[in-house]
Amino acid sequence: MSNSVYQINKGINQSIEFKGLKAQYIWYLGGGVIVLMILFAIMYIVGLPSIICIGIIGISGTLWVLKIYKMSHKYGEYGMMKALAKRQVPKTVKSQSRKIFMMTK
């Protein structure tokens, strides 16, 4: 059996990149694989036929991988965190009185 050697590209002050995935998306993909394995085990234990379990997990896994790669290419290393933070910034600040703008001594 031959051992596979994967190249991990990491330059100076660069985030880890593995097969096109950057930074936290590697963890998202790994977490998705673990969830799908647990889901497969649950479906198999419940008694679903194995071919149906494999079909559901195969389709779900393919969609998950495509979604993660799409997010990795769209947002990059920090883009998703910036997009989520931008959604939390209010568009306007409302004030019912001018007291907060008045200087008192």
C-alpha atoms as a PDB file:
ATOM      1  CA  MET A   1       0.000   0.000   0.000  1.00  0.00           C
ATOM      2  CA  SER A   2       1.461   3.371  -0.943  1.00  0.00           C
ATOM      3  CA  ASN A   3       1.408   6.381   1.314  1.00  0.00           C
ATOM      4  CA  SER A   4      -0.083   9.605   0.023  1.00  0.00           C
ATOM      5  CA  VAL A   5       1.843  12.791   0.561  1.00  0.00           C
ATOM      6  CA  TYR A   6      -0.229  15.956   0.375  1.00  0.00           C
ATOM      7  CA  GLN A   7       1.348  19.313  -0.258  1.00  0.00           C
ATOM      8  CA  ILE A   8       0.284  22.026   2.180  1.00  0.00           C
ATOM      9  CA  ASN A   9       1.127  25.458   0.814  1.00  0.00           C
ATOM     10  CA  LYS A  10       2.033  27.959   3.501  1.00  0.00           C
ATOM     11  CA  GLY A  11       4.281  30.939   2.890  1.00  0.00           C
ATOM     12  CA  ILE A  12       5.503  33.528   5.334  1.00  0.00           C
ATOM     13  CA  ASN A  13       2.557  35.189   7.115  1.00  0.00           C
ATOM     14  CA  GLN A  14       0.094  33.217   4.995  1.00  0.00           C
ATOM     15  CA  SER A  15      -2.792  31.095   6.155  1.00  0.00           C
ATOM     16  CA  ILE A  16      -2.854  27.367   5.520  1.00  0.00           C
ATOM     17  CA  GLU A  17      -4.262  26.346   2.156  1.00  0.00           C
ATOM     18  CA  PHE A  18      -5.131  22.741   1.346  1.00  0.00           C
ATOM     19  CA  LYS A  19      -6.375  21.791  -2.123  1.00  0.00           C
ATOM     20  CA  GLY A  20      -7.873  25.253  -2.647  1.00  0.00           C
ATOM     21  CA  LEU A  21      -9.485  25.577   0.788  1.00  0.00           C
ATOM     22  CA  LYS A  22      -8.261  28.433   2.933  1.00  0.00           C
ATOM     23  CA  ALA A  23      -8.048  28.845   6.718  1.00  0.00           C
ATOM     24  CA  GLN A  24     -11.254  27.987   8.592  1.00  0.00           C
ATOM     25  CA  TYR A  25     -12.925  26.317   5.602  1.00  0.00           C
ATOM     26  CA  ILE A  26     -10.680  23.276   6.133  1.00  0.00           C
ATOM     27  CA  TRP A  27     -12.257  22.895   9.579  1.00  0.00           C
ATOM     28  CA  TYR A  28     -15.766  23.400   8.193  1.00  0.00           C
ATOM     29  CA  LEU A  29     -15.201  20.624   5.667  1.00  0.00           C
ATOM     30  CA  GLY A  30     -13.796  18.289   8.332  1.00  0.00           C
ATOM     31  CA  GLY A  31     -16.731  19.001  10.640  1.00  0.00           C
ATOM     32  CA  GLY A  32     -19.160  18.312   7.815  1.00  0.00           C
ATOM     33  CA  VAL A  33     -17.515  14.955   7.106  1.00  0.00           C
ATOM     34  CA  ILE A  34     -17.808  13.978  10.769  1.00  0.00           C
ATOM     35  CA  VAL A  35     -21.483  14.999  10.872  1.00  0.00           C
ATOM     36  CA  LEU A  36     -22.181  12.987   7.716  1.00  0.00           C
ATOM     37  CA  MET A  37     -20.462   9.909   9.188  1.00  0.00           C
ATOM     38  CA  ILE A  38     -22.590  10.181  12.339  1.00  0.00           C
ATOM     39  CA  LEU A  39     -25.720  10.650  10.203  1.00  0.00           C
ATOM     40  CA  PHE A  40     -24.833   7.548   8.185  1.00  0.00           C
ATOM     41  CA  ALA A  41     -24.372   5.519  11.369  1.00  0.00           C
ATOM     42  CA  ILE A  42     -27.717   6.690  12.743  1.00  0.00           C
ATOM     43  CA  MET A  43     -29.564   5.868   9.514  1.00  0.00           C
ATOM     44  CA  TYR A  44     -27.901   2.445   9.315  1.00  0.00           C
ATOM     45  CA  ILE A  45     -28.693   1.619  12.946  1.00  0.00           C
ATOM     46  CA  VAL A  46     -32.315   2.708  12.472  1.00  0.00           C
ATOM     47  CA  GLY A  47     -32.589   0.103   9.735  1.00  0.00           C
ATOM     48  CA  LEU A  48     -32.564   1.951   6.426  1.00  0.00           C
ATOM     49  CA  PRO A  49     -31.102  -0.070   3.572  1.00  0.00           C
ATOM     50  CA  SER A  50     -27.409   0.663   3.116  1.00  0.00           C
ATOM     51  CA  ILE A  51     -27.809   1.730  -0.528  1.00  0.00           C
ATOM     52  CA  ILE A  52     -30.258   4.455   0.524  1.00  0.00           C
ATOM     53  CA  CYS A  53     -27.908   5.561   3.323  1.00  0.00           C
ATOM     54  CA  ILE A  54     -24.992   5.762   0.889  1.00  0.00           C
ATOM     55  CA  GLY A  55     -27.108   7.675  -1.632  1.00  0.00           C
ATOM     56  CA  ILE A  56     -28.288  10.253   0.905  1.00  0.00           C
ATOM     57  CA  ILE A  57     -24.807  10.721   2.387  1.00  0.00           C
ATOM     58  CA  GLY A  58     -23.220  10.868  -1.074  1.00  0.00           C
ATOM     59  CA  ILE A  59     -25.563  13.589  -2.299  1.00  0.00           C
ATOM     60  CA  SER A  60     -25.346  15.533   0.976  1.00  0.00           C
ATOM     61  CA  GLY A  61     -21.547  15.249   1.018  1.00  0.00           C
ATOM     62  CA  THR A  62     -21.251  16.450  -2.566  1.00  0.00           C
ATOM     63  CA  LEU A  63     -23.472  19.458  -1.862  1.00  0.00           C
ATOM     64  CA  TRP A  64     -21.508  20.228   1.325  1.00  0.00           C
ATOM     65  CA  VAL A  65     -18.138  20.120  -0.453  1.00  0.00           C
ATOM     66  CA  LEU A  66     -19.416  22.338  -3.283  1.00  0.00           C
ATOM     67  CA  LYS A  67     -20.835  24.842  -0.769  1.00  0.00           C
ATOM     68  CA  ILE A  68     -17.585  24.977   1.237  1.00  0.00           C
ATOM     69  CA  TYR A  69     -15.438  25.464  -1.881  1.00  0.00           C
ATOM     70  CA  LYS A  70     -17.820  28.172  -3.118  1.00  0.00           C
ATOM     71  CA  MET A  71     -17.601  30.018   0.224  1.00  0.00           C
ATOM     72  CA  SER A  72     -13.808  29.654   0.280  1.00  0.00           C
ATOM     73  CA  HIS A  73     -13.465  31.177  -3.173  1.00  0.00           C
ATOM     74  CA  LYS A  74     -16.077  33.893  -2.576  1.00  0.00           C
ATOM     75  CA  TYR A  75     -14.982  35.141   0.843  1.00  0.00           C
ATOM     76  CA  GLY A  76     -11.370  34.073   1.181  1.00  0.00           C
ATOM     77  CA  GLU A  77      -9.621  33.919   4.531  1.00  0.00           C
ATOM     78  CA  TYR A  78     -11.404  36.681   6.458  1.00  0.00           C
ATOM     79  CA  GLY A  79     -14.219  37.725   4.117  1.00  0.00           C
ATOM     80  CA  MET A  80     -16.986  35.678   5.708  1.00  0.00           C
ATOM     81  CA  MET A  81     -16.229  37.082   9.165  1.00  0.00           C
ATOM     82  CA  LYS A  82     -16.257  40.598   7.689  1.00  0.00           C
ATOM     83  CA  ALA A  83     -19.577  39.949   5.934  1.00  0.00           C
ATOM     84  CA  LEU A  84     -21.137  38.639   9.156  1.00  0.00           C
ATOM     85  CA  ALA A  85     -19.812  41.616  11.112  1.00  0.00           C
ATOM     86  CA  LYS A  86     -21.106  44.053   8.496  1.00  0.00           C
ATOM     87  CA  ARG A  87     -24.618  42.652   8.900  1.00  0.00           C
ATOM     88  CA  GLN A  88     -24.557  43.494  12.622  1.00  0.00           C
ATOM     89  CA  VAL A  89     -23.734  47.181  12.117  1.00  0.00           C
ATOM     90  CA  PRO A  90     -26.926  49.261  12.301  1.00  0.00           C
ATOM     91  CA  LYS A  91     -27.857  51.299   9.233  1.00  0.00           C
ATOM     92  CA  THR A  92     -29.075  54.248  11.301  1.00  0.00           C
ATOM     93  CA  VAL A  93     -28.798  55.411  14.895  1.00  0.00           C
ATOM     94  CA  LYS A  94     -32.064  56.697  16.337  1.00  0.00           C
ATOM     95  CA  SER A  95     -32.256  59.074  19.244  1.00  0.00           C
ATOM     96  CA  GLN A  96     -35.436  60.346  20.857  1.00  0.00           C
ATOM     97  CA  SER A  97     -33.842  63.353  22.532  1.00  0.00           C
ATOM     98  CA  ARG A  98     -30.912  65.698  22.100  1.00  0.00           C
ATOM     99  CA  LYS A  99     -29.650  65.226  25.659  1.00  0.00           C
ATOM    100  CA  ILE A 100     -26.816  62.931  24.625  1.00  0.00           C
ATOM    101  CA  PHE A 101     -25.439  65.680  22.361  1.00  0.00           C
ATOM    102  CA  MET A 102     -25.679  68.502  24.902  1.00  0.00           C
ATOM    103  CA  MET A 103     -22.570  69.323  26.856  1.00  0.00           C
ATOM    104  CA  THR A 104     -23.158  69.863  30.549  1.00  0.00           C
ATOM    105  CA  LYS A 105     -20.616  71.188  32.997  1.00  0.00           C
END
